């Protein structure tokens, strides 16, 4: 899933909108709020955190935007140093 979709925001959202959407999504999927479904909640919470970490950093967001289509297709992408990057998180690691 795309980071923008995960936070339910537009691709042109500013920092304030990203932060607000992150807080909303984090509260919704927090493991403490999902008793009986903790494992899935932990996984979703981590994905929301990864999306926020990527989109809240201007450099990572630009890299993600530049490689978004390839990431969503599951293709390996190269980072600026020419090394293969992990695509499971959607951002450079």
N, C-alpha and C. Protein backbone atom coordinates (compact mmCIF):
# COMPACT_ATOMS: atom_id res chain seq x y z
N UNK A 1 0.85 -1.18 0.00
CA UNK A 1 0.00 0.00 0.00
C UNK A 1 0.89 1.24 0.00
N UNK A 2 0.48 2.23 -0.73
CA UNK A 2 1.18 3.50 -0.82
C UNK A 2 1.16 4.22 0.53
N UNK A 3 2.24 4.92 0.86
CA UNK A 3 2.30 5.66 2.12
C UNK A 3 1.19 6.71 2.21
N UNK A 4 0.88 7.35 1.09
CA UNK A 4 -0.18 8.36 1.09
C UNK A 4 -1.54 7.71 1.38
N UNK A 5 -1.77 6.56 0.80
CA UNK A 5 -3.02 5.84 1.05
C UNK A 5 -3.09 5.37 2.50
N UNK A 6 -1.96 4.91 3.02
CA UNK A 6 -1.94 4.41 4.39
C UNK A 6 -2.33 5.52 5.37
N UNK A 7 -1.91 6.75 5.10
CA UNK A 7 -2.26 7.87 5.97
C UNK A 7 -3.53 8.59 5.50
N UNK A 8 -4.09 8.14 4.39
CA UNK A 8 -5.32 8.71 3.83
C UNK A 8 -5.18 10.21 3.58
N UNK A 9 -4.10 10.55 2.84
CA UNK A 9 -3.84 11.94 2.49
C UNK A 9 -3.53 12.07 1.01
N UNK A 10 -3.61 13.28 0.53
CA UNK A 10 -3.28 13.62 -0.84
C UNK A 10 -1.76 13.65 -1.00
N UNK A 11 -1.28 13.38 -2.19
CA UNK A 11 0.17 13.39 -2.44
C UNK A 11 0.78 14.77 -2.27
N UNK A 12 -0.02 15.80 -2.22
CA UNK A 12 0.50 17.16 -2.08
C UNK A 12 0.26 17.72 -0.69
N UNK A 13 -0.01 16.86 0.27
CA UNK A 13 -0.29 17.29 1.65
C UNK A 13 0.95 17.95 2.25
N UNK A 14 0.69 18.98 3.06
CA UNK A 14 1.80 19.65 3.73
C UNK A 14 2.12 18.94 5.05
N UNK A 15 3.16 19.43 5.73
CA UNK A 15 3.63 18.79 6.96
C UNK A 15 2.55 18.70 8.04
N UNK A 16 1.76 19.75 8.18
CA UNK A 16 0.71 19.76 9.22
C UNK A 16 -0.34 18.68 8.94
N UNK A 17 -0.72 18.53 7.69
CA UNK A 17 -1.71 17.51 7.32
C UNK A 17 -1.14 16.11 7.52
N UNK A 18 0.12 15.93 7.18
CA UNK A 18 0.78 14.63 7.36
C UNK A 18 0.80 14.27 8.84
N UNK A 19 1.19 15.21 9.67
CA UNK A 19 1.26 14.96 11.11
C UNK A 19 -0.11 14.63 11.69
N UNK A 20 -1.12 15.39 11.30
CA UNK A 20 -2.48 15.15 11.80
C UNK A 20 -2.99 13.78 11.36
N UNK A 21 -2.75 13.43 10.10
CA UNK A 21 -3.19 12.13 9.57
C UNK A 21 -2.45 10.99 10.27
N UNK A 22 -1.17 11.19 10.54
CA UNK A 22 -0.40 10.17 11.25
C UNK A 22 -0.98 9.93 12.64
N UNK A 23 -1.24 10.99 13.37
CA UNK A 23 -1.78 10.84 14.72
C UNK A 23 -3.13 10.10 14.70
N UNK A 24 -3.97 10.45 13.75
CA UNK A 24 -5.27 9.81 13.63
C UNK A 24 -5.11 8.31 13.33
N UNK A 25 -4.26 8.00 12.35
CA UNK A 25 -4.05 6.59 11.97
C UNK A 25 -3.38 5.81 13.09
N UNK A 26 -2.42 6.42 13.77
CA UNK A 26 -1.72 5.74 14.86
C UNK A 26 -2.67 5.42 16.01
N UNK A 27 -3.54 6.34 16.34
CA UNK A 27 -4.51 6.08 17.40
C UNK A 27 -5.47 4.97 17.01
N UNK A 28 -5.89 4.97 15.77
CA UNK A 28 -6.85 3.97 15.30
C UNK A 28 -6.27 2.55 15.34
N UNK A 29 -5.01 2.41 14.96
CA UNK A 29 -4.44 1.06 14.86
C UNK A 29 -3.52 0.71 16.02
N UNK A 30 -3.42 1.55 17.03
CA UNK A 30 -2.54 1.26 18.16
C UNK A 30 -2.95 -0.06 18.81
N UNK A 31 -1.96 -0.90 19.14
CA UNK A 31 -2.28 -2.21 19.75
C UNK A 31 -3.12 -2.12 21.01
N UNK A 32 -2.94 -1.08 21.80
CA UNK A 32 -3.75 -0.93 23.02
C UNK A 32 -5.22 -0.70 22.71
N UNK A 33 -5.52 -0.21 21.53
CA UNK A 33 -6.90 0.06 21.14
C UNK A 33 -7.53 -1.13 20.41
N UNK A 34 -6.73 -2.16 20.15
CA UNK A 34 -7.19 -3.31 19.37
C UNK A 34 -6.99 -4.61 20.14
N UNK A 35 -7.56 -4.66 21.31
CA UNK A 35 -7.46 -5.84 22.17
C UNK A 35 -8.07 -7.04 21.44
N UNK A 36 -7.34 -8.13 21.45
CA UNK A 36 -7.78 -9.33 20.76
C UNK A 36 -7.26 -9.43 19.34
N UNK A 37 -6.71 -8.34 18.84
CA UNK A 37 -6.16 -8.31 17.48
C UNK A 37 -4.81 -7.60 17.49
N UNK A 38 -4.04 -7.85 18.56
CA UNK A 38 -2.80 -7.13 18.77
C UNK A 38 -1.77 -7.34 17.67
N UNK A 39 -1.64 -8.58 17.18
CA UNK A 39 -0.62 -8.87 16.17
C UNK A 39 -0.84 -8.06 14.90
N UNK A 40 -2.06 -8.04 14.42
CA UNK A 40 -2.37 -7.26 13.22
C UNK A 40 -2.22 -5.77 13.49
N UNK A 41 -2.59 -5.35 14.69
CA UNK A 41 -2.49 -3.94 15.05
C UNK A 41 -1.03 -3.50 15.10
N UNK A 42 -0.16 -4.34 15.63
CA UNK A 42 1.27 -4.01 15.68
C UNK A 42 1.82 -3.85 14.27
N UNK A 43 1.45 -4.76 13.39
CA UNK A 43 1.91 -4.69 12.00
C UNK A 43 1.41 -3.40 11.32
N UNK A 44 0.15 -3.08 11.50
CA UNK A 44 -0.41 -1.87 10.90
C UNK A 44 0.21 -0.61 11.53
N UNK A 45 0.41 -0.64 12.84
CA UNK A 45 1.01 0.50 13.53
C UNK A 45 2.41 0.76 13.00
N UNK A 46 3.19 -0.28 12.78
CA UNK A 46 4.54 -0.13 12.22
C UNK A 46 4.48 0.44 10.80
N UNK A 47 3.53 -0.01 10.02
CA UNK A 47 3.39 0.50 8.65
C UNK A 47 3.01 1.98 8.65
N UNK A 48 2.15 2.37 9.57
CA UNK A 48 1.77 3.78 9.70
C UNK A 48 2.99 4.59 10.12
N UNK A 49 3.76 4.08 11.06
CA UNK A 49 4.97 4.76 11.51
C UNK A 49 5.97 4.90 10.37
N UNK A 50 6.16 3.84 9.59
CA UNK A 50 7.07 3.90 8.44
C UNK A 50 6.62 4.95 7.43
N UNK A 51 5.32 4.99 7.17
CA UNK A 51 4.79 5.98 6.23
C UNK A 51 5.06 7.39 6.73
N UNK A 52 4.81 7.63 8.01
CA UNK A 52 5.05 8.95 8.58
C UNK A 52 6.53 9.30 8.55
N UNK A 53 7.39 8.36 8.93
CA UNK A 53 8.83 8.62 8.92
C UNK A 53 9.31 9.03 7.53
N UNK A 54 8.79 8.37 6.53
CA UNK A 54 9.18 8.66 5.15
C UNK A 54 8.63 10.01 4.69
N UNK A 55 7.35 10.22 4.87
CA UNK A 55 6.71 11.42 4.33
C UNK A 55 7.02 12.68 5.13
N UNK A 56 7.43 12.55 6.37
CA UNK A 56 7.74 13.73 7.17
C UNK A 56 9.15 14.24 6.95
N UNK A 57 9.99 13.46 6.30
CA UNK A 57 11.36 13.87 5.98
C UNK A 57 11.39 14.32 4.53
N UNK A 58 11.70 15.58 4.27
CA UNK A 58 11.65 16.09 2.89
C UNK A 58 12.51 15.31 1.89
N UNK A 59 13.69 14.89 2.31
CA UNK A 59 14.56 14.14 1.40
C UNK A 59 14.02 12.75 1.11
N UNK A 60 13.55 12.06 2.15
CA UNK A 60 12.98 10.73 1.97
C UNK A 60 11.69 10.80 1.16
N UNK A 61 10.90 11.84 1.40
CA UNK A 61 9.64 11.99 0.65
C UNK A 61 9.92 12.19 -0.83
N UNK A 62 10.91 13.02 -1.15
CA UNK A 62 11.24 13.24 -2.56
C UNK A 62 11.71 11.93 -3.20
N UNK A 63 12.56 11.19 -2.49
CA UNK A 63 13.04 9.92 -3.03
C UNK A 63 11.86 8.97 -3.22
N UNK A 64 10.98 8.89 -2.25
CA UNK A 64 9.80 8.03 -2.35
C UNK A 64 8.93 8.43 -3.54
N UNK A 65 8.67 9.73 -3.66
CA UNK A 65 7.85 10.21 -4.77
C UNK A 65 8.48 9.87 -6.12
N UNK A 66 9.81 10.00 -6.20
CA UNK A 66 10.52 9.70 -7.44
C UNK A 66 10.49 8.21 -7.79
N UNK A 67 10.38 7.35 -6.79
CA UNK A 67 10.43 5.90 -7.00
C UNK A 67 9.13 5.19 -6.67
N UNK A 68 8.09 5.93 -6.38
CA UNK A 68 6.83 5.38 -5.89
C UNK A 68 6.25 4.30 -6.80
N UNK A 69 6.17 4.57 -8.07
CA UNK A 69 5.56 3.60 -9.00
C UNK A 69 6.34 2.29 -9.02
N UNK A 70 7.65 2.36 -9.04
CA UNK A 70 8.46 1.13 -9.04
C UNK A 70 8.29 0.38 -7.72
N UNK A 71 8.23 1.11 -6.62
CA UNK A 71 8.04 0.48 -5.31
C UNK A 71 6.70 -0.25 -5.27
N UNK A 72 5.65 0.40 -5.74
CA UNK A 72 4.32 -0.20 -5.71
C UNK A 72 4.22 -1.42 -6.62
N UNK A 73 5.03 -1.45 -7.68
CA UNK A 73 5.07 -2.62 -8.55
C UNK A 73 5.96 -3.73 -7.99
N UNK A 74 6.63 -3.43 -6.87
CA UNK A 74 7.48 -4.43 -6.23
C UNK A 74 8.85 -4.57 -6.86
N UNK A 75 9.26 -3.59 -7.64
CA UNK A 75 10.56 -3.63 -8.29
C UNK A 75 11.63 -3.13 -7.34
N UNK A 76 12.85 -3.67 -7.50
CA UNK A 76 13.99 -3.14 -6.76
C UNK A 76 14.33 -1.78 -7.35
N UNK A 77 14.67 -0.87 -6.48
CA UNK A 77 15.06 0.47 -6.92
C UNK A 77 16.45 0.76 -6.39
N UNK A 78 17.14 1.65 -7.05
CA UNK A 78 18.49 2.02 -6.63
C UNK A 78 18.45 3.32 -5.88
N UNK A 79 19.24 3.40 -4.79
CA UNK A 79 19.35 4.67 -4.09
C UNK A 79 20.43 5.51 -4.75
N UNK A 80 20.70 6.66 -4.21
CA UNK A 80 21.62 7.61 -4.83
C UNK A 80 23.03 7.06 -4.98
N UNK A 81 23.42 6.12 -4.14
CA UNK A 81 24.76 5.54 -4.22
C UNK A 81 24.82 4.36 -5.19
N UNK A 82 23.70 4.02 -5.81
CA UNK A 82 23.68 2.93 -6.78
C UNK A 82 23.54 1.56 -6.13
N UNK A 83 23.26 1.50 -4.83
CA UNK A 83 23.09 0.23 -4.16
C UNK A 83 21.63 -0.16 -4.19
N UNK A 84 21.35 -1.46 -4.24
CA UNK A 84 19.95 -1.89 -4.21
C UNK A 84 19.35 -1.54 -2.87
N UNK A 85 18.14 -1.09 -2.89
CA UNK A 85 17.45 -0.67 -1.68
C UNK A 85 16.34 -1.65 -1.36
N UNK A 86 16.02 -1.77 -0.09
CA UNK A 86 14.90 -2.59 0.32
C UNK A 86 13.62 -1.86 -0.07
N UNK A 87 12.69 -2.56 -0.69
CA UNK A 87 11.44 -1.92 -1.09
C UNK A 87 10.29 -2.29 -0.16
N UNK A 88 10.53 -3.13 0.80
CA UNK A 88 9.43 -3.55 1.67
C UNK A 88 8.88 -2.39 2.48
N UNK A 89 9.72 -1.44 2.85
CA UNK A 89 9.27 -0.31 3.64
C UNK A 89 8.87 0.86 2.77
N UNK A 90 9.36 0.90 1.54
CA UNK A 90 8.99 1.99 0.66
C UNK A 90 9.94 3.15 0.70
N UNK A 91 10.83 3.20 1.66
CA UNK A 91 11.83 4.26 1.75
C UNK A 91 13.21 3.61 1.82
N UNK A 92 14.19 4.45 1.63
CA UNK A 92 15.55 3.94 1.74
C UNK A 92 15.82 3.53 3.17
N UNK A 93 16.63 2.52 3.34
CA UNK A 93 16.98 2.08 4.68
C UNK A 93 18.44 2.32 4.94
